[in-house]
C-alpha atoms as a PDB file:
ATOM      1  CA  UNK A   1      -3.400  -8.564 -17.902  1.00  0.00           C
ATOM      2  CA  UNK A   2      -0.166  -6.566 -18.119  1.00  0.00           C
ATOM      3  CA  UNK A   3       1.165  -5.765 -14.681  1.00  0.00           C
ATOM      4  CA  UNK A   4       0.689  -2.202 -13.534  1.00  0.00           C
ATOM      5  CA  UNK A   5       2.081  -1.106 -10.172  1.00  0.00           C
ATOM      6  CA  UNK A   6       0.623   1.662  -8.040  1.00  0.00           C
ATOM      7  CA  UNK A   7       3.018   2.895  -5.360  1.00  0.00           C
ATOM      8  CA  UNK A   8       1.139   4.762  -2.627  1.00  0.00           C
ATOM      9  CA  UNK A   9       3.590   6.836  -0.587  1.00  0.00           C
ATOM     10  CA  UNK A  10       2.287   7.455   2.910  1.00  0.00           C
ATOM     11  CA  UNK A  11       5.162   9.269   4.585  1.00  0.00           C
ATOM     12  CA  UNK A  12       5.145  12.735   6.097  1.00  0.00           C
ATOM     13  CA  UNK A  13       8.730  13.131   4.821  1.00  0.00           C
ATOM     14  CA  UNK A  14       9.671  13.461   1.147  1.00  0.00           C
ATOM     15  CA  UNK A  15      12.385  11.035   0.017  1.00  0.00           C
ATOM     16  CA  UNK A  16      12.240   9.257   3.369  1.00  0.00           C
ATOM     17  CA  UNK A  17      13.618   5.830   4.153  1.00  0.00           C
ATOM     18  CA  UNK A  18      10.414   4.008   3.201  1.00  0.00           C
ATOM     19  CA  UNK A  19      10.275   5.712  -0.190  1.00  0.00           C
ATOM     20  CA  UNK A  20      13.969   5.023  -0.807  1.00  0.00           C
ATOM     21  CA  UNK A  21      13.435   1.326  -0.076  1.00  0.00           C
ATOM     22  CA  UNK A  22      10.316   1.187  -2.264  1.00  0.00           C
ATOM     23  CA  UNK A  23      12.208   2.820  -5.137  1.00  0.00           C
ATOM     24  CA  UNK A  24      15.015   0.262  -4.781  1.00  0.00           C
ATOM     25  CA  UNK A  25      12.465  -2.536  -5.080  1.00  0.00           C
ATOM     26  CA  UNK A  26      10.771  -0.832  -8.058  1.00  0.00           C
ATOM     27  CA  UNK A  27      14.113  -0.495  -9.877  1.00  0.00           C
ATOM     28  CA  UNK A  28      14.100  -4.277 -10.251  1.00  0.00           C
ATOM     29  CA  UNK A  29      10.836  -4.384 -12.196  1.00  0.00           C
ATOM     30  CA  UNK A  30      11.103  -5.021 -15.929  1.00  0.00           C
ATOM     31  CA  UNK A  31      11.017  -1.833 -18.040  1.00  0.00           C
ATOM     32  CA  UNK A  32       7.700  -2.784 -19.646  1.00  0.00           C
ATOM     33  CA  UNK A  33       5.913  -2.858 -16.261  1.00  0.00           C
ATOM     34  CA  UNK A  34       4.000   0.366 -15.770  1.00  0.00           C
ATOM     35  CA  UNK A  35       4.548   2.245 -12.506  1.00  0.00           C
ATOM     36  CA  UNK A  36       2.470   5.043 -11.023  1.00  0.00           C
ATOM     37  CA  UNK A  37       3.677   6.829  -7.891  1.00  0.00           C
ATOM     38  CA  UNK A  38       1.254   8.860  -5.780  1.00  0.00           C
ATOM     39  CA  UNK A  39       2.487  10.717  -2.715  1.00  0.00           C
ATOM     40  CA  UNK A  40      -0.383  11.149  -0.267  1.00  0.00           C
ATOM     41  CA  UNK A  41       1.267  14.289   1.148  1.00  0.00           C
ATOM     42  CA  UNK A  42       1.062  15.894  -2.285  1.00  0.00           C
ATOM     43  CA  UNK A  43      -2.414  14.463  -2.959  1.00  0.00           C
ATOM     44  CA  UNK A  44      -4.094  14.502   0.460  1.00  0.00           C
ATOM     45  CA  UNK A  45      -7.415  12.798   0.899  1.00  0.00           C
ATOM     46  CA  UNK A  46     -10.173  14.308   3.024  1.00  0.00           C
ATOM     47  CA  UNK A  47     -11.123  12.532   6.210  1.00  0.00           C
ATOM     48  CA  UNK A  48     -13.300   9.559   5.394  1.00  0.00           C
ATOM     49  CA  UNK A  49     -16.957  10.004   6.274  1.00  0.00           C
ATOM     50  CA  UNK A  50     -18.799   6.735   6.833  1.00  0.00           C
ATOM     51  CA  UNK A  51     -22.117   7.052   5.015  1.00  0.00           C
ATOM     52  CA  UNK A  52     -22.772   3.371   4.429  1.00  0.00           C
ATOM     53  CA  UNK A  53     -26.177   3.435   6.106  1.00  0.00           C
ATOM     54  CA  UNK A  54     -27.147   7.041   5.373  1.00  0.00           C
ATOM     55  CA  UNK A  55     -26.559   7.989   1.788  1.00  0.00           C
ATOM     56  CA  UNK A  56     -26.124   6.961  -1.788  1.00  0.00           C
ATOM     57  CA  UNK A  57     -22.513   6.860  -2.823  1.00  0.00           C
ATOM     58  CA  UNK A  58     -21.438   8.629  -5.983  1.00  0.00           C
ATOM     59  CA  UNK A  59     -18.259   7.923  -7.880  1.00  0.00           C
ATOM     60  CA  UNK A  60     -15.839  10.833  -7.412  1.00  0.00           C
ATOM     61  CA  UNK A  61     -14.966  12.453 -10.728  1.00  0.00           C
ATOM     62  CA  UNK A  62     -12.357  15.025  -9.716  1.00  0.00           C
ATOM     63  CA  UNK A  63      -9.737  15.804  -7.142  1.00  0.00           C
ATOM     64  CA  UNK A  64      -7.473  13.546  -5.142  1.00  0.00           C
ATOM     65  CA  UNK A  65     -10.183  11.023  -4.255  1.00  0.00           C
ATOM     66  CA  UNK A  66     -10.895  10.413  -7.956  1.00  0.00           C
ATOM     67  CA  UNK A  67      -7.154  10.235  -8.709  1.00  0.00           C
ATOM     68  CA  UNK A  68      -6.561   7.584  -6.036  1.00  0.00           C
ATOM     69  CA  UNK A  69      -9.701   5.628  -6.925  1.00  0.00           C
ATOM     70  CA  UNK A  70      -8.862   5.486 -10.632  1.00  0.00           C
ATOM     71  CA  UNK A  71      -5.234   4.561  -9.935  1.00  0.00           C
ATOM     72  CA  UNK A  72      -6.310   1.832  -7.505  1.00  0.00           C
ATOM     73  CA  UNK A  73      -8.780   0.328  -9.962  1.00  0.00           C
ATOM     74  CA  UNK A  74      -6.192   0.376 -12.774  1.00  0.00           C
ATOM     75  CA  UNK A  75      -3.441  -1.326 -10.757  1.00  0.00           C
ATOM     76  CA  UNK A  76      -2.701  -5.031 -10.792  1.00  0.00           C
ATOM     77  CA  UNK A  77      -0.308  -4.512  -7.888  1.00  0.00           C
ATOM     78  CA  UNK A  78      -0.711  -1.948  -5.101  1.00  0.00           C
ATOM     79  CA  UNK A  79       2.363  -1.172  -3.011  1.00  0.00           C
ATOM     80  CA  UNK A  80       1.636   0.603   0.256  1.00  0.00           C
ATOM     81  CA  UNK A  81       4.841   2.401   1.225  1.00  0.00           C
ATOM     82  CA  UNK A  82       4.208   3.639   4.746  1.00  0.00           C
ATOM     83  CA  UNK A  83       6.740   4.194   7.491  1.00  0.00           C
ATOM     84  CA  UNK A  84       5.983   2.529  10.785  1.00  0.00           C
ATOM     85  CA  UNK A  85       4.202   5.264  12.769  1.00  0.00           C
ATOM     86  CA  UNK A  86       3.202   4.233  16.260  1.00  0.00           C
ATOM     87  CA  UNK A  87       3.442   0.576  15.235  1.00  0.00           C
ATOM     88  CA  UNK A  88       1.075   0.794  12.287  1.00  0.00           C
ATOM     89  CA  UNK A  89       0.560   2.610   8.988  1.00  0.00           C
ATOM     90  CA  UNK A  90       0.702   6.394   8.785  1.00  0.00           C
ATOM     91  CA  UNK A  91      -2.419   8.524   9.125  1.00  0.00           C
ATOM     92  CA  UNK A  92      -2.319   9.324   5.389  1.00  0.00           C
ATOM     93  CA  UNK A  93      -2.161   5.626   4.543  1.00  0.00           C
ATOM     94  CA  UNK A  94      -4.958   4.738   6.958  1.00  0.00           C
ATOM     95  CA  UNK A  95      -7.126   7.465   5.407  1.00  0.00           C
ATOM     96  CA  UNK A  96      -6.501   5.954   1.943  1.00  0.00           C
ATOM     97  CA  UNK A  97      -7.523   2.498   3.191  1.00  0.00           C
ATOM     98  CA  UNK A  98     -10.570   4.008   4.923  1.00  0.00           C
ATOM     99  CA  UNK A  99     -11.720   5.368   1.560  1.00  0.00           C
ATOM    100  CA  UNK A 100     -11.818   1.774   0.310  1.00  0.00           C
ATOM    101  CA  UNK A 101     -14.900   1.388   2.554  1.00  0.00           C
ATOM    102  CA  UNK A 102     -16.750   4.061   0.590  1.00  0.00           C
ATOM    103  CA  UNK A 103     -15.565   2.672  -2.734  1.00  0.00           C
ATOM    104  CA  UNK A 104     -16.972  -0.724  -1.742  1.00  0.00           C
ATOM    105  CA  UNK A 105     -20.423   0.858  -1.647  1.00  0.00           C
ATOM    106  CA  UNK A 106     -20.189   3.010  -4.774  1.00  0.00           C
ATOM    107  CA  UNK A 107     -22.655   1.736  -7.383  1.00  0.00           C
ATOM    108  CA  UNK A 108     -21.111   0.502 -10.610  1.00  0.00           C
ATOM    109  CA  UNK A 109     -17.550   0.191  -9.281  1.00  0.00           C
ATOM    110  CA  UNK A 110     -17.533  -3.445  -8.213  1.00  0.00           C
ATOM    111  CA  UNK A 111     -14.533  -2.377  -6.173  1.00  0.00           C
ATOM    112  CA  UNK A 112     -14.113  -5.620  -4.246  1.00  0.00           C
ATOM    113  CA  UNK A 113     -14.587  -7.823  -7.311  1.00  0.00           C
ATOM    114  CA  UNK A 114     -12.146  -5.675  -9.288  1.00  0.00           C
ATOM    115  CA  UNK A 115      -9.405  -5.923  -6.663  1.00  0.00           C
ATOM    116  CA  UNK A 116      -9.965  -9.632  -5.982  1.00  0.00           C
ATOM    117  CA  UNK A 117      -6.984 -11.629  -7.219  1.00  0.00           C
ATOM    118  CA  UNK A 118      -4.754  -8.581  -7.512  1.00  0.00           C
ATOM    119  CA  UNK A 119      -1.763  -8.160  -5.196  1.00  0.00           C
ATOM    120  CA  UNK A 120      -1.178  -5.904  -2.210  1.00  0.00           C
ATOM    121  CA  UNK A 121       2.421  -5.311  -1.093  1.00  0.00           C
ATOM    122  CA  UNK A 122       3.907  -3.307   1.758  1.00  0.00           C
ATOM    123  CA  UNK A 123       7.163  -1.457   2.264  1.00  0.00           C
ATOM    124  CA  UNK A 124       8.123   0.151   5.555  1.00  0.00           C
ATOM    125  CA  UNK A 125      11.101   1.559   7.374  1.00  0.00           C
ATOM    126  CA  UNK A 126      11.248   1.353  11.122  1.00  0.00           C
ATOM    127  CA  UNK A 127      13.690   2.736  13.648  1.00  0.00           C
ATOM    128  CA  UNK A 128      13.368  -0.265  15.967  1.00  0.00           C
ATOM    129  CA  UNK A 129      15.806  -3.159  15.599  1.00  0.00           C
ATOM    130  CA  UNK A 130      13.212  -5.870  16.268  1.00  0.00           C
ATOM    131  CA  UNK A 131      11.022  -6.413  13.180  1.00  0.00           C
ATOM    132  CA  UNK A 132       8.174  -7.844  15.287  1.00  0.00           C
ATOM    133  CA  UNK A 133       7.185  -4.306  16.298  1.00  0.00           C
ATOM    134  CA  UNK A 134       5.864  -3.923  12.728  1.00  0.00           C
ATOM    135  CA  UNK A 135       3.396  -6.816  13.190  1.00  0.00           C
ATOM    136  CA  UNK A 136       0.377  -4.450  13.555  1.00  0.00           C
ATOM    137  CA  UNK A 137       1.269  -2.784  10.216  1.00  0.00           C
ATOM    138  CA  UNK A 138       1.697  -6.171   8.554  1.00  0.00           C
ATOM    139  CA  UNK A 139      -1.610  -7.313  10.040  1.00  0.00           C
ATOM    140  CA  UNK A 140      -3.427  -4.234   8.757  1.00  0.00           C
ATOM    141  CA  UNK A 141      -2.242  -4.845   5.203  1.00  0.00           C
ATOM    142  CA  UNK A 142      -2.715  -8.628   5.308  1.00  0.00           C
ATOM    143  CA  UNK A 143      -6.230  -8.368   6.700  1.00  0.00           C
ATOM    144  CA  UNK A 144      -7.169  -5.670   4.173  1.00  0.00           C
ATOM    145  CA  UNK A 145      -5.972  -7.926   1.369  1.00  0.00           C
ATOM    146  CA  UNK A 146      -7.777 -10.941   2.845  1.00  0.00           C
ATOM    147  CA  UNK A 147     -11.059  -9.053   3.093  1.00  0.00           C
ATOM    148  CA  UNK A 148     -10.750  -7.933  -0.526  1.00  0.00           C
ATOM    149  CA  UNK A 149      -9.842 -11.400  -1.817  1.00  0.00           C
ATOM    150  CA  UNK A 150      -6.414 -10.135  -2.868  1.00  0.00           C
ATOM    151  CA  UNK A 151      -3.005 -11.722  -2.835  1.00  0.00           C
ATOM    152  CA  UNK A 152      -0.533 -10.429  -0.247  1.00  0.00           C
ATOM    153  CA  UNK A 153       3.173 -10.193  -0.949  1.00  0.00           C
ATOM    154  CA  UNK A 154       4.090  -9.387   2.638  1.00  0.00           C
ATOM    155  CA  UNK A 155       6.023  -6.362   3.793  1.00  0.00           C
ATOM    156  CA  UNK A 156       9.570  -5.410   2.865  1.00  0.00           C
ATOM    157  CA  UNK A 157      11.091  -4.126   6.112  1.00  0.00           C
ATOM    158  CA  UNK A 158      14.068  -1.811   6.328  1.00  0.00           C
ATOM    159  CA  UNK A 159      15.772  -0.160   9.254  1.00  0.00           C
ATOM    160  CA  UNK A 160      16.282   3.577   9.390  1.00  0.00           C
ATOM    161  CA  UNK A 161      15.451   6.692  11.331  1.00  0.00           C
ATOM    162  CA  UNK A 162      17.483   9.602   9.958  1.00  0.00           C
ATOM    163  CA  UNK A 163      17.039  10.393   6.256  1.00  0.00           C
ATOM    164  CA  UNK A 164      18.993   7.901   4.142  1.00  0.00           C
ATOM    165  CA  UNK A 165      19.633   5.435   6.980  1.00  0.00           C
ATOM    166  CA  UNK A 166      17.871   2.606   5.138  1.00  0.00           C
ATOM    167  CA  UNK A 167      20.589   2.699   2.474  1.00  0.00           C
ATOM    168  CA  UNK A 168      22.919   1.257   5.149  1.00  0.00           C
ATOM    169  CA  UNK A 169      20.595  -1.719   5.713  1.00  0.00           C
ATOM    170  CA  UNK A 170      22.300  -4.138   3.348  1.00  0.00           C
ATOM    171  CA  UNK A 171      19.906  -6.985   4.174  1.00  0.00           C
ATOM    172  CA  UNK A 172      16.854  -4.884   3.269  1.00  0.00           C
ATOM    173  CA  UNK A 173      18.493  -3.702   0.059  1.00  0.00           C
ATOM    174  CA  UNK A 174      19.266  -7.304  -0.870  1.00  0.00           C
ATOM    175  CA  UNK A 175      15.634  -8.339  -0.192  1.00  0.00           C
ATOM    176  CA  UNK A 176      14.440  -5.385  -2.308  1.00  0.00           C
ATOM    177  CA  UNK A 177      16.144  -6.873  -5.368  1.00  0.00           C
ATOM    178  CA  UNK A 178      13.689  -9.787  -5.556  1.00  0.00           C
ATOM    179  CA  UNK A 179      10.792  -8.585  -3.398  1.00  0.00           C
ATOM    180  CA  UNK A 180       8.337  -7.667  -6.143  1.00  0.00           C
ATOM    181  CA  UNK A 181       9.234 -10.729  -8.245  1.00  0.00           C
ATOM    182  CA  UNK A 182       7.907 -13.298  -5.789  1.00  0.00           C
ATOM    183  CA  UNK A 183       4.630 -15.107  -6.322  1.00  0.00           C
ATOM    184  CA  UNK A 184       2.270 -13.704  -3.707  1.00  0.00           C
ATOM    185  CA  UNK A 185      -0.186 -16.128  -2.081  1.00  0.00           C
ATOM    186  CA  UNK A 186      -3.848 -15.406  -1.588  1.00  0.00           C
ATOM    187  CA  UNK A 187      -4.190 -13.424   1.649  1.00  0.00           C
ATOM    188  CA  UNK A 188      -5.807 -15.192   4.558  1.00  0.00           C
ATOM    189  CA  UNK A 189      -6.981 -14.008   7.925  1.00  0.00           C
ATOM    190  CA  UNK A 190      -4.950 -15.463  10.806  1.00  0.00           C
ATOM    191  CA  UNK A 191      -7.946 -17.451  12.040  1.00  0.00           C
ATOM    192  CA  UNK A 192      -8.139 -19.224   8.663  1.00  0.00           C
ATOM    193  CA  UNK A 193      -4.754 -20.909   9.107  1.00  0.00           C
END
């Protein structure tokens, strides 16, 4: 299968540090690798309503939910680009991941089987100087990938608070050059190690 990257931008700020870092990593992809960029601020999802025990699920056919579902199913690689907000993913990003729960129960999608073996990546910018504060964000993405049977490429961390700050993080920019080229292992829950 030809690689196709979906970049899900979960920042409340356009052209923020996380997006800048994700774009630097994406610049390194070969020209024949397809890229789709979806900004969740421009394509907001409704709050997720958990109907798993109450209702039949129907595949969305229009609007932002259908756009994100179709893009997710078509991607071989999903890059979650979310700034570190209160030590985890942004609200927009969490809402996107919450919708995965509904898609798991939508007849005919085989959502989990479709995503199994594909790769989940993360990119985040944080204002803190200690990368360990991003562990909850990393855990959210790793555990989501593990549940889905996906590979997990880890999270590309960059430092920045004010717009453009991440471009001064030379270590993050250097890591971005090879980040999406690495072979991602199958995700595992921590208790499986």
